[in-house]
PDB file of N, CA and C in Angstrom:
ATOM      1  N   MET A   1      73.269 169.483  54.367  1.00  0.00           N
ATOM      2  CA  MET A   1      73.410 168.457  55.523  1.00  0.00           C
ATOM      3  C   MET A   1      72.110 168.618  56.502  1.00  0.00           C
ATOM      4  N   ASN A   2      71.201 167.844  56.430  1.00  0.00           N
ATOM      5  CA  ASN A   2      70.090 167.686  57.378  1.00  0.00           C
ATOM      6  C   ASN A   2      70.629 167.351  58.755  1.00  0.00           C
ATOM      7  N   PHE A   3      70.005 168.172  59.822  1.00  0.00           N
ATOM      8  CA  PHE A   3      70.165 167.726  61.015  1.00  0.00           C
ATOM      9  C   PHE A   3      68.883 167.920  62.099  1.00  0.00           C
ATOM     10  N   THR A   4      69.078 167.399  63.205  1.00  0.00           N
ATOM     11  CA  THR A   4      67.821 167.604  64.156  1.00  0.00           C
ATOM     12  C   THR A   4      68.494 167.945  65.353  1.00  0.00           C
ATOM     13  N   ILE A   5      67.757 168.856  66.021  1.00  0.00           N
ATOM     14  CA  ILE A   5      68.022 169.359  67.352  1.00  0.00           C
ATOM     15  C   ILE A   5      66.876 168.816  68.382  1.00  0.00           C
ATOM     16  N   ASN A   6      67.413 168.173  69.436  1.00  0.00           N
ATOM     17  CA  ASN A   6      66.400 167.901  70.476  1.00  0.00           C
ATOM     18  C   ASN A   6      66.759 168.872  71.619  1.00  0.00           C
ATOM     19  N   ILE A   7      65.505 169.489  71.954  1.00  0.00           N
ATOM     20  CA  ILE A   7      65.552 170.424  73.050  1.00  0.00           C
ATOM     21  C   ILE A   7      64.689 170.087  74.178  1.00  0.00           C
ATOM     22  N   TYR A   8      65.214 169.855  75.316  1.00  0.00           N
ATOM     23  CA  TYR A   8      64.519 169.470  76.443  1.00  0.00           C
ATOM     24  C   TYR A   8      64.288 170.887  77.277  1.00  0.00           C
ATOM     25  N   TYR A   9      63.036 171.034  77.353  1.00  0.00           N
ATOM     26  CA  TYR A   9      62.457 172.313  78.145  1.00  0.00           C
ATOM     27  C   TYR A   9      62.148 171.639  79.509  1.00  0.00           C
ATOM     28  N   LYS A  10      62.635 172.268  80.439  1.00  0.00           N
ATOM     29  CA  LYS A  10      62.285 171.817  81.877  1.00  0.00           C
ATOM     30  C   LYS A  10      61.801 173.142  82.717  1.00  0.00           C
ATOM     31  N   GLY A  11      60.696 172.853  83.410  1.00  0.00           N
ATOM     32  CA  GLY A  11      60.013 174.091  84.241  1.00  0.00           C
ATOM     33  C   GLY A  11      59.724 173.543  85.570  1.00  0.00           C
ATOM     34  N   GLN A  12      58.628 174.228  86.049  1.00  0.00           N
ATOM     35  CA  GLN A  12      58.075 173.844  87.292  1.00  0.00           C
ATOM     36  C   GLN A  12      56.488 173.956  87.284  1.00  0.00           C
ATOM     37  N   ASN A  13      55.824 173.030  88.053  1.00  0.00           N
ATOM     38  CA  ASN A  13      54.322 173.294  87.974  1.00  0.00           C
ATOM     39  C   ASN A  13      53.543 173.247  86.587  1.00  0.00           C
ATOM     40  N   GLY A  14      54.157 172.505  85.750  1.00  0.00           N
ATOM     41  CA  GLY A  14      53.626 172.431  84.327  1.00  0.00           C
ATOM     42  C   GLY A  14      53.942 173.697  83.421  1.00  0.00           C
ATOM     43  N   SER A  15      54.939 174.300  83.753  1.00  0.00           N
ATOM     44  CA  SER A  15      55.359 175.457  82.894  1.00  0.00           C
ATOM     45  C   SER A  15      55.824 175.101  81.545  1.00  0.00           C
ATOM     46  N   ALA A  16      56.411 173.969  81.391  1.00  0.00           N
ATOM     47  CA  ALA A  16      57.029 173.541  80.023  1.00  0.00           C
ATOM     48  C   ALA A  16      55.798 173.136  79.059  1.00  0.00           C
ATOM     49  N   LYS A  17      54.908 172.502  79.707  1.00  0.00           N
ATOM     50  CA  LYS A  17      53.654 172.139  78.865  1.00  0.00           C
ATOM     51  C   LYS A  17      52.868 173.394  78.559  1.00  0.00           C
ATOM     52  N   LYS A  18      52.749 174.306  79.399  1.00  0.00           N
ATOM     53  CA  LYS A  18      52.013 175.538  79.103  1.00  0.00           C
ATOM     54  C   LYS A  18      52.759 176.340  78.130  1.00  0.00           C
ATOM     55  N   PHE A  19      54.044 176.259  78.109  1.00  0.00           N
ATOM     56  CA  PHE A  19      54.898 177.062  77.016  1.00  0.00           C
ATOM     57  C   PHE A  19      54.580 176.350  75.804  1.00  0.00           C
ATOM     58  N   ALA A  20      54.700 175.113  75.644  1.00  0.00           N
ATOM     59  CA  ALA A  20      54.376 174.349  74.347  1.00  0.00           C
ATOM     60  C   ALA A  20      52.969 174.646  73.804  1.00  0.00           C
ATOM     61  N   ASN A  21      52.106 174.636  74.788  1.00  0.00           N
ATOM     62  CA  ASN A  21      50.631 174.946  74.307  1.00  0.00           C
ATOM     63  C   ASN A  21      50.456 176.290  73.756  1.00  0.00           C
ATOM     64  N   GLU A  22      51.159 177.140  74.367  1.00  0.00           N
ATOM     65  CA  GLU A  22      51.169 178.718  73.900  1.00  0.00           C
ATOM     66  C   GLU A  22      51.936 178.790  72.538  1.00  0.00           C
ATOM     67  N   MET A  23      52.908 178.097  72.451  1.00  0.00           N
ATOM     68  CA  MET A  23      53.713 178.089  71.290  1.00  0.00           C
ATOM     69  C   MET A  23      52.722 177.614  70.013  1.00  0.00           C
ATOM     70  N   ILE A  24      52.026 176.537  70.338  1.00  0.00           N
ATOM     71  CA  ILE A  24      51.185 176.091  69.422  1.00  0.00           C
ATOM     72  C   ILE A  24      49.845 177.101  69.146  1.00  0.00           C
ATOM     73  N   SER A  25      49.171 177.442  70.236  1.00  0.00           N
ATOM     74  CA  SER A  25      47.975 178.243  70.142  1.00  0.00           C
ATOM     75  C   SER A  25      48.234 179.625  69.539  1.00  0.00           C
ATOM     76  N   SER A  26      49.507 180.239  69.786  1.00  0.00           N
ATOM     77  CA  SER A  26      49.616 181.418  69.280  1.00  0.00           C
ATOM     78  C   SER A  26      50.002 181.486  67.826  1.00  0.00           C
ATOM     79  N   GLY A  27      50.344 180.313  67.203  1.00  0.00           N
ATOM     80  CA  GLY A  27      50.755 180.329  65.724  1.00  0.00           C
ATOM     81  C   GLY A  27      52.200 180.339  65.428  1.00  0.00           C
ATOM     82  N   ILE A  28      53.072 180.411  66.762  1.00  0.00           N
ATOM     83  CA  ILE A  28      54.442 180.595  66.440  1.00  0.00           C
ATOM     84  C   ILE A  28      54.795 179.145  65.782  1.00  0.00           C
ATOM     85  N   VAL A  29      54.465 177.974  66.325  1.00  0.00           N
ATOM     86  CA  VAL A  29      54.866 176.677  65.767  1.00  0.00           C
ATOM     87  C   VAL A  29      54.699 176.739  64.134  1.00  0.00           C
ATOM     88  N   GLU A  30      53.390 177.060  63.746  1.00  0.00           N
ATOM     89  CA  GLU A  30      53.215 177.215  62.428  1.00  0.00           C
ATOM     90  C   GLU A  30      54.146 178.021  61.699  1.00  0.00           C
ATOM     91  N   GLU A  31      54.410 179.430  62.257  1.00  0.00           N
ATOM     92  CA  GLU A  31      55.355 180.204  61.624  1.00  0.00           C
ATOM     93  C   GLU A  31      56.804 179.459  61.393  1.00  0.00           C
ATOM     94  N   ILE A  32      57.208 178.627  62.284  1.00  0.00           N
ATOM     95  CA  ILE A  32      58.548 177.959  62.176  1.00  0.00           C
ATOM     96  C   ILE A  32      58.368 176.881  61.194  1.00  0.00           C
ATOM     97  N   ARG A  33      57.225 176.176  61.074  1.00  0.00           N
ATOM     98  CA  ARG A  33      57.208 174.972  60.091  1.00  0.00           C
ATOM     99  C   ARG A  33      57.111 175.589  58.819  1.00  0.00           C
ATOM    100  N   ASN A  34      56.610 176.854  58.579  1.00  0.00           N
ATOM    101  CA  ASN A  34      56.571 177.466  57.160  1.00  0.00           C
ATOM    102  C   ASN A  34      57.935 178.092  56.840  1.00  0.00           C
ATOM    103  N   LYS A  35      58.847 178.214  57.692  1.00  0.00           N
ATOM    104  CA  LYS A  35      60.211 178.685  57.249  1.00  0.00           C
ATOM    105  C   LYS A  35      60.926 177.933  56.238  1.00  0.00           C
ATOM    106  N   GLU A  36      61.581 178.543  55.412  1.00  0.00           N
ATOM    107  CA  GLU A  36      62.579 177.890  54.422  1.00  0.00           C
ATOM    108  C   GLU A  36      63.529 176.972  55.285  1.00  0.00           C
ATOM    109  N   GLY A  37      63.541 175.844  54.933  1.00  0.00           N
ATOM    110  CA  GLY A  37      64.475 174.832  55.488  1.00  0.00           C
ATOM    111  C   GLY A  37      63.987 174.090  56.605  1.00  0.00           C
ATOM    112  N   ASN A  38      62.892 174.322  57.260  1.00  0.00           N
ATOM    113  CA  ASN A  38      62.438 173.558  58.485  1.00  0.00           C
ATOM    114  C   ASN A  38      61.783 172.297  57.913  1.00  0.00           C
ATOM    115  N   LEU A  39      62.266 171.124  58.431  1.00  0.00           N
ATOM    116  CA  LEU A  39      61.825 169.934  58.266  1.00  0.00           C
ATOM    117  C   LEU A  39      60.857 169.423  59.088  1.00  0.00           C
ATOM    118  N   ARG A  40      60.939 169.711  60.456  1.00  0.00           N
ATOM    119  CA  ARG A  40      60.083 169.210  61.497  1.00  0.00           C
ATOM    120  C   ARG A  40      60.207 169.963  62.715  1.00  0.00           C
ATOM    121  N   TYR A  41      59.189 170.204  63.380  1.00  0.00           N
ATOM    122  CA  TYR A  41      58.965 171.108  64.506  1.00  0.00           C
ATOM    123  C   TYR A  41      57.985 170.447  65.454  1.00  0.00           C
ATOM    124  N   GLU A  42      58.195 169.595  66.444  1.00  0.00           N
ATOM    125  CA  GLU A  42      57.088 168.891  67.147  1.00  0.00           C
ATOM    126  C   GLU A  42      57.569 168.755  68.520  1.00  0.00           C
ATOM    127  N   TYR A  43      56.534 168.841  69.401  1.00  0.00           N
ATOM    128  CA  TYR A  43      56.763 168.666  70.767  1.00  0.00           C
ATOM    129  C   TYR A  43      56.175 167.389  71.282  1.00  0.00           C
ATOM    130  N   PHE A  44      56.855 166.840  72.431  1.00  0.00           N
ATOM    131  CA  PHE A  44      56.454 165.478  73.116  1.00  0.00           C
ATOM    132  C   PHE A  44      56.622 165.832  74.554  1.00  0.00           C
ATOM    133  N   GLU A  45      55.709 164.906  75.184  1.00  0.00           N
ATOM    134  CA  GLU A  45      55.677 165.116  76.765  1.00  0.00           C
ATOM    135  C   GLU A  45      56.397 163.811  77.259  1.00  0.00           C
ATOM    136  N   SER A  46      57.249 163.927  78.277  1.00  0.00           N
ATOM    137  CA  SER A  46      57.910 162.798  78.826  1.00  0.00           C
ATOM    138  C   SER A  46      56.978 161.926  79.685  1.00  0.00           C
ATOM    139  N   LEU A  47      57.041 160.756  79.514  1.00  0.00           N
ATOM    140  CA  LEU A  47      56.264 159.815  80.504  1.00  0.00           C
ATOM    141  C   LEU A  47      56.901 159.822  81.855  1.00  0.00           C
ATOM    142  N   GLU A  48      58.286 159.908  81.854  1.00  0.00           N
ATOM    143  CA  GLU A  48      58.900 159.857  83.031  1.00  0.00           C
ATOM    144  C   GLU A  48      59.214 161.025  84.021  1.00  0.00           C
ATOM    145  N   ASP A  49      59.077 162.165  83.284  1.00  0.00           N
ATOM    146  CA  ASP A  49      59.297 163.493  83.905  1.00  0.00           C
ATOM    147  C   ASP A  49      58.158 164.469  83.542  1.00  0.00           C
ATOM    148  N   LYS A  50      57.124 164.708  84.176  1.00  0.00           N
ATOM    149  CA  LYS A  50      56.107 165.595  83.840  1.00  0.00           C
ATOM    150  C   LYS A  50      56.415 167.032  83.488  1.00  0.00           C
ATOM    151  N   GLU A  51      57.610 167.464  84.078  1.00  0.00           N
ATOM    152  CA  GLU A  51      58.053 168.837  83.897  1.00  0.00           C
ATOM    153  C   GLU A  51      58.992 169.140  82.726  1.00  0.00           C
ATOM    154  N   THR A  52      59.043 167.966  81.915  1.00  0.00           N
ATOM    155  CA  THR A  52      59.959 168.194  80.701  1.00  0.00           C
ATOM    156  C   THR A  52      59.093 167.911  79.543  1.00  0.00           C
ATOM    157  N   ILE A  53      59.348 168.900  78.613  1.00  0.00           N
ATOM    158  CA  ILE A  53      58.758 168.669  77.302  1.00  0.00           C
ATOM    159  C   ILE A  53      60.020 168.642  76.251  1.00  0.00           C
ATOM    160  N   LEU A  54      59.925 167.622  75.327  1.00  0.00           N
ATOM    161  CA  LEU A  54      60.961 167.536  74.251  1.00  0.00           C
ATOM    162  C   LEU A  54      60.449 168.157  73.060  1.00  0.00           C
ATOM    163  N   LEU A  55      61.223 169.000  72.418  1.00  0.00           N
ATOM    164  CA  LEU A  55      61.004 169.448  71.118  1.00  0.00           C
ATOM    165  C   LEU A  55      62.102 168.847  70.150  1.00  0.00           C
ATOM    166  N   ILE A  56      61.510 168.401  68.957  1.00  0.00           N
ATOM    167  CA  ILE A  56      62.315 167.788  67.849  1.00  0.00           C
ATOM    168  C   ILE A  56      62.159 168.782  66.838  1.00  0.00           C
ATOM    169  N   ASP A  57      63.299 169.348  66.479  1.00  0.00           N
ATOM    170  CA  ASP A  57      63.518 170.503  65.528  1.00  0.00           C
ATOM    171  C   ASP A  57      64.429 170.150  64.363  1.00  0.00           C
ATOM    172  N   SER A  58      64.083 169.880  63.193  1.00  0.00           N
ATOM    173  CA  SER A  58      64.872 169.479  62.111  1.00  0.00           C
ATOM    174  C   SER A  58      65.013 170.604  61.168  1.00  0.00           C
ATOM    175  N   TRP A  59      66.191 170.719  60.411  1.00  0.00           N
ATOM    176  CA  TRP A  59      66.468 171.824  59.462  1.00  0.00           C
ATOM    177  C   TRP A  59      67.304 171.113  58.358  1.00  0.00           C
ATOM    178  N   LYS A  60      67.129 171.716  57.186  1.00  0.00           N
ATOM    179  CA  LYS A  60      67.631 171.341  55.955  1.00  0.00           C
ATOM    180  C   LYS A  60      69.268 171.559  56.043  1.00  0.00           C
ATOM    181  N   ASN A  61      69.695 172.680  56.703  1.00  0.00           N
ATOM    182  CA  ASN A  61      71.074 173.036  56.696  1.00  0.00           C
ATOM    183  C   ASN A  61      71.190 174.102  57.840  1.00  0.00           C
ATOM    184  N   GLN A  62      72.454 174.578  58.219  1.00  0.00           N
ATOM    185  CA  GLN A  62      72.691 175.420  59.090  1.00  0.00           C
ATOM    186  C   GLN A  62      72.331 176.674  58.789  1.00  0.00           C
ATOM    187  N   GLU A  63      72.613 177.179  57.567  1.00  0.00           N
ATOM    188  CA  GLU A  63      72.022 178.305  57.120  1.00  0.00           C
ATOM    189  C   GLU A  63      70.610 178.731  57.301  1.00  0.00           C
ATOM    190  N   SER A  64      69.772 177.610  57.122  1.00  0.00           N
ATOM    191  CA  SER A  64      68.165 177.717  57.464  1.00  0.00           C
ATOM    192  C   SER A  64      68.057 178.056  59.048  1.00  0.00           C
ATOM    193  N   LEU A  65      68.652 177.234  59.881  1.00  0.00           N
ATOM    194  CA  LEU A  65      68.724 177.432  61.264  1.00  0.00           C
ATOM    195  C   LEU A  65      69.219 178.854  61.727  1.00  0.00           C
ATOM    196  N   ASP A  66      70.177 179.471  61.159  1.00  0.00           N
ATOM    197  CA  ASP A  66      70.715 180.588  61.355  1.00  0.00           C
ATOM    198  C   ASP A  66      69.791 181.814  61.050  1.00  0.00           C
ATOM    199  N   ASN A  67      69.123 181.628  59.776  1.00  0.00           N
ATOM    200  CA  ASN A  67      68.165 182.394  59.612  1.00  0.00           C
ATOM    201  C   ASN A  67      66.933 182.539  60.468  1.00  0.00           C
ATOM    202  N   HIS A  68      66.645 181.516  60.936  1.00  0.00           N
ATOM    203  CA  HIS A  68      65.642 181.289  61.944  1.00  0.00           C
ATOM    204  C   HIS A  68      65.919 181.966  63.131  1.00  0.00           C
ATOM    205  N   HIS A  69      67.215 181.689  63.675  1.00  0.00           N
ATOM    206  CA  HIS A  69      67.755 182.408  64.942  1.00  0.00           C
ATOM    207  C   HIS A  69      67.794 183.899  64.784  1.00  0.00           C
ATOM    208  N   GLN A  70      67.926 184.448  63.553  1.00  0.00           N
ATOM    209  CA  GLN A  70      68.059 185.991  63.260  1.00  0.00           C
ATOM    210  C   GLN A  70      66.514 186.506  63.203  1.00  0.00           C
ATOM    211  N   SER A  71      65.583 185.796  63.255  1.00  0.00           N
ATOM    212  CA  SER A  71      64.186 186.211  62.893  1.00  0.00           C
ATOM    213  C   SER A  71      63.462 186.737  64.062  1.00  0.00           C
ATOM    214  N   GLU A  72      62.309 187.530  63.948  1.00  0.00           N
ATOM    215  CA  GLU A  72      61.348 187.995  64.826  1.00  0.00           C
ATOM    216  C   GLU A  72      60.788 186.816  65.592  1.00  0.00           C
ATOM    217  N   THR A  73      60.514 185.765  64.818  1.00  0.00           N
ATOM    218  CA  THR A  73      59.953 184.490  65.444  1.00  0.00           C
ATOM    219  C   THR A  73      60.761 184.088  66.595  1.00  0.00           C
ATOM    220  N   MET A  74      62.012 184.046  66.590  1.00  0.00           N
ATOM    221  CA  MET A  74      63.090 183.701  67.594  1.00  0.00           C
ATOM    222  C   MET A  74      62.718 184.664  68.834  1.00  0.00           C
ATOM    223  N   ASN A  75      62.663 185.827  68.566  1.00  0.00           N
ATOM    224  CA  ASN A  75      62.411 186.727  69.817  1.00  0.00           C
ATOM    225  C   ASN A  75      61.084 186.452  70.505  1.00  0.00           C
ATOM    226  N   LYS A  76      60.089 186.030  69.649  1.00  0.00           N
ATOM    227  CA  LYS A  76      58.858 185.541  70.406  1.00  0.00           C
ATOM    228  C   LYS A  76      58.996 184.368  71.130  1.00  0.00           C
ATOM    229  N   ILE A  77      59.840 183.277  70.722  1.00  0.00           N
ATOM    230  CA  ILE A  77      60.313 182.107  71.504  1.00  0.00           C
ATOM    231  C   ILE A  77      60.893 182.399  72.893  1.00  0.00           C
ATOM    232  N   MET A  78      61.904 183.451  72.682  1.00  0.00           N
ATOM    233  CA  MET A  78      62.733 183.741  73.749  1.00  0.00           C
ATOM    234  C   MET A  78      61.791 184.514  74.879  1.00  0.00           C
ATOM    235  N   ASP A  79      60.910 185.256  74.357  1.00  0.00           N
ATOM    236  CA  ASP A  79      59.916 185.926  75.250  1.00  0.00           C
ATOM    237  C   ASP A  79      59.215 184.848  76.178  1.00  0.00           C
ATOM    238  N   LEU A  80      58.609 183.848  75.489  1.00  0.00           N
ATOM    239  CA  LEU A  80      57.785 182.883  76.000  1.00  0.00           C
ATOM    240  C   LEU A  80      58.696 181.981  77.041  1.00  0.00           C
ATOM    241  N   ARG A  81      59.878 181.723  76.618  1.00  0.00           N
ATOM    242  CA  ARG A  81      60.708 181.035  77.573  1.00  0.00           C
ATOM    243  C   ARG A  81      60.975 181.626  78.803  1.00  0.00           C
ATOM    244  N   ASN A  82      61.157 183.036  78.793  1.00  0.00           N
ATOM    245  CA  ASN A  82      61.407 183.730  79.978  1.00  0.00           C
ATOM    246  C   ASN A  82      60.077 183.697  80.766  1.00  0.00           C
ATOM    247  N   LYS A  83      58.926 183.997  80.086  1.00  0.00           N
ATOM    248  CA  LYS A  83      57.683 183.975  80.657  1.00  0.00           C
ATOM    249  C   LYS A  83      57.479 182.887  81.572  1.00  0.00           C
ATOM    250  N   TYR A  84      57.843 181.694  81.007  1.00  0.00           N
ATOM    251  CA  TYR A  84      57.548 180.348  81.651  1.00  0.00           C
ATOM    252  C   TYR A  84      58.840 179.832  82.462  1.00  0.00           C
ATOM    253  N   ASP A  85      59.934 180.859  82.703  1.00  0.00           N
ATOM    254  CA  ASP A  85      61.091 180.351  83.355  1.00  0.00           C
ATOM    255  C   ASP A  85      61.699 179.144  83.031  1.00  0.00           C
ATOM    256  N   LEU A  86      61.929 178.797  81.847  1.00  0.00           N
ATOM    257  CA  LEU A  86      62.289 177.454  81.332  1.00  0.00           C
ATOM    258  C   LEU A  86      63.720 177.317  81.229  1.00  0.00           C
ATOM    259  N   HIS A  87      64.281 176.228  81.591  1.00  0.00           N
ATOM    260  CA  HIS A  87      65.668 175.846  81.353  1.00  0.00           C
ATOM    261  C   HIS A  87      65.676 174.740  80.319  1.00  0.00           C
ATOM    262  N   MET A  88      66.863 174.755  79.517  1.00  0.00           N
ATOM    263  CA  MET A  88      67.089 173.860  78.292  1.00  0.00           C
ATOM    264  C   MET A  88      68.251 172.914  78.380  1.00  0.00           C
ATOM    265  N   LYS A  89      67.979 171.901  77.901  1.00  0.00           N
ATOM    266  CA  LYS A  89      69.177 171.139  77.527  1.00  0.00           C
ATOM    267  C   LYS A  89      69.093 170.647  76.019  1.00  0.00           C
ATOM    268  N   VAL A  90      70.333 170.938  75.313  1.00  0.00           N
ATOM    269  CA  VAL A  90      70.209 170.942  73.825  1.00  0.00           C
ATOM    270  C   VAL A  90      71.089 169.820  73.294  1.00  0.00           C
ATOM    271  N   GLU A  91      70.553 169.003  72.351  1.00  0.00           N
ATOM    272  CA  GLU A  91      71.422 168.088  71.649  1.00  0.00           C
ATOM    273  C   GLU A  91      71.141 168.164  70.166  1.00  0.00           C
ATOM    274  N   LYS A  92      72.192 167.981  69.367  1.00  0.00           N
ATOM    275  CA  LYS A  92      72.251 168.281  67.922  1.00  0.00           C
ATOM    276  C   LYS A  92      72.839 167.058  67.336  1.00  0.00           C
ATOM    277  N   TYR A  93      71.974 166.422  66.396  1.00  0.00           N
ATOM    278  CA  TYR A  93      72.444 165.339  65.638  1.00  0.00           C
ATOM    279  C   TYR A  93      72.456 165.473  64.050  1.00  0.00           C
ATOM    280  N   VAL A  94      73.429 165.127  63.415  1.00  0.00           N
ATOM    281  CA  VAL A  94      73.425 164.982  61.978  1.00  0.00           C
ATOM    282  C   VAL A  94      72.841 163.808  61.477  1.00  0.00           C
ATOM    283  N   LEU A  95      71.985 164.001  60.617  1.00  0.00           N
ATOM    284  CA  LEU A  95      71.376 162.721  60.056  1.00  0.00           C
ATOM    285  C   LEU A  95      72.198 161.953  59.153  1.00  0.00           C
ATOM    286  N   GLU A  96      72.219 160.802  59.433  1.00  0.00           N
ATOM    287  CA  GLU A  96      73.001 159.801  58.646  1.00  0.00           C
ATOM    288  C   GLU A  96      72.278 159.128  57.299  1.00  0.00           C
ATOM    289  N   GLU A  97      72.979 158.943  56.437  1.00  0.00           N
ATOM    290  CA  GLU A  97      72.247 158.071  55.247  1.00  0.00           C
ATOM    291  C   GLU A  97      71.963 156.840  55.739  1.00  0.00           C
ATOM    292  N   ASN A  98      71.177 156.165  54.967  1.00  0.00           N
ATOM    293  CA  ASN A  98      70.571 154.912  55.432  1.00  0.00           C
ATOM    294  C   ASN A  98      71.783 153.912  55.787  1.00  0.00           C
ATOM    295  N   ASN A  99      71.546 153.289  56.961  1.00  0.00           N
ATOM    296  CA  ASN A  99      72.673 152.290  57.544  1.00  0.00           C
ATOM    297  C   ASN A  99      71.869 150.985  57.527  1.00  0.00           C
ATOM    298  N   SER A 100      72.523 150.227  56.485  1.00  0.00           N
ATOM    299  CA  SER A 100      71.757 149.012  56.276  1.00  0.00           C
ATOM    300  C   SER A 100      71.921 147.978  57.381  1.00  0.00           C
ATOM    301  N   GLN A 101      72.970 148.180  58.107  1.00  0.00           N
ATOM    302  CA  GLN A 101      73.248 147.273  59.258  1.00  0.00           C
ATOM    303  C   GLN A 101      72.172 147.226  60.303  1.00  0.00           C
ATOM    304  N   ASP A 102      71.424 148.400  60.355  1.00  0.00           N
ATOM    305  CA  ASP A 102      70.463 148.803  61.273  1.00  0.00           C
ATOM    306  C   ASP A 102      69.018 148.266  60.712  1.00  0.00           C
ATOM    307  N   GLU A 103      68.727 148.069  59.520  1.00  0.00           N
ATOM    308  CA  GLU A 103      67.568 147.734  58.937  1.00  0.00           C
ATOM    309  C   GLU A 103      66.824 146.635  59.506  1.00  0.00           C
ATOM    310  N   LYS A 104      67.620 145.578  59.941  1.00  0.00           N
ATOM    311  CA  LYS A 104      66.869 144.465  60.405  1.00  0.00           C
ATOM    312  C   LYS A 104      66.272 144.636  61.708  1.00  0.00           C
ATOM    313  N   TYR A 105      66.676 145.669  62.442  1.00  0.00           N
ATOM    314  CA  TYR A 105      65.928 145.900  63.671  1.00  0.00           C
ATOM    315  C   TYR A 105      64.737 146.899  63.628  1.00  0.00           C
ATOM    316  N   ILE A 106      64.552 147.389  62.511  1.00  0.00           N
ATOM    317  CA  ILE A 106      63.530 148.500  62.195  1.00  0.00           C
ATOM    318  C   ILE A 106      62.256 147.711  61.603  1.00  0.00           C
ATOM    319  N   ARG A 107      61.210 147.894  62.297  1.00  0.00           N
ATOM    320  CA  ARG A 107      59.798 147.415  61.970  1.00  0.00           C
ATOM    321  C   ARG A 107      58.992 148.602  61.238  1.00  0.00           C
ATOM    322  N   LYS A 108      58.929 148.282  59.929  1.00  0.00           N
ATOM    323  CA  LYS A 108      58.144 149.402  59.245  1.00  0.00           C
ATOM    324  C   LYS A 108      56.627 149.021  58.982  1.00  0.00           C
TER     325      LYS A 108
END
C-alpha cells in the first residue's frame, strides 16, 4: 500500500531552507531516492511562512520506510536536523485508488 508523508520542517533565520539545500548538495536526497521502495522525495518552500520547508516523501510500503529508518542515511538526516535545530510536524496519508467523483475537478 503506497503512502505519502508530509514533513513540515520549521526553524529560524532560514535554517529549514539551509537544511534542505544541504540535504540536496550533500547527496543525501539522491541516496534516499535510490532506496528500494522510495517513490518520491521532494522539498517545497512555503509562500506564507518563509521559515517552513515541506518535504513530500512517498513510499511503496511500510517495510520500505522501516528499512530507511534503520539505515545510516537516517542517521545523517537526524544529524542535519540537529545541526539546524529544526522542529517537525508530520502527516501521513494512504494513497487512495482513483476516485471518479473527484475527476471532474481535476484539470490535466
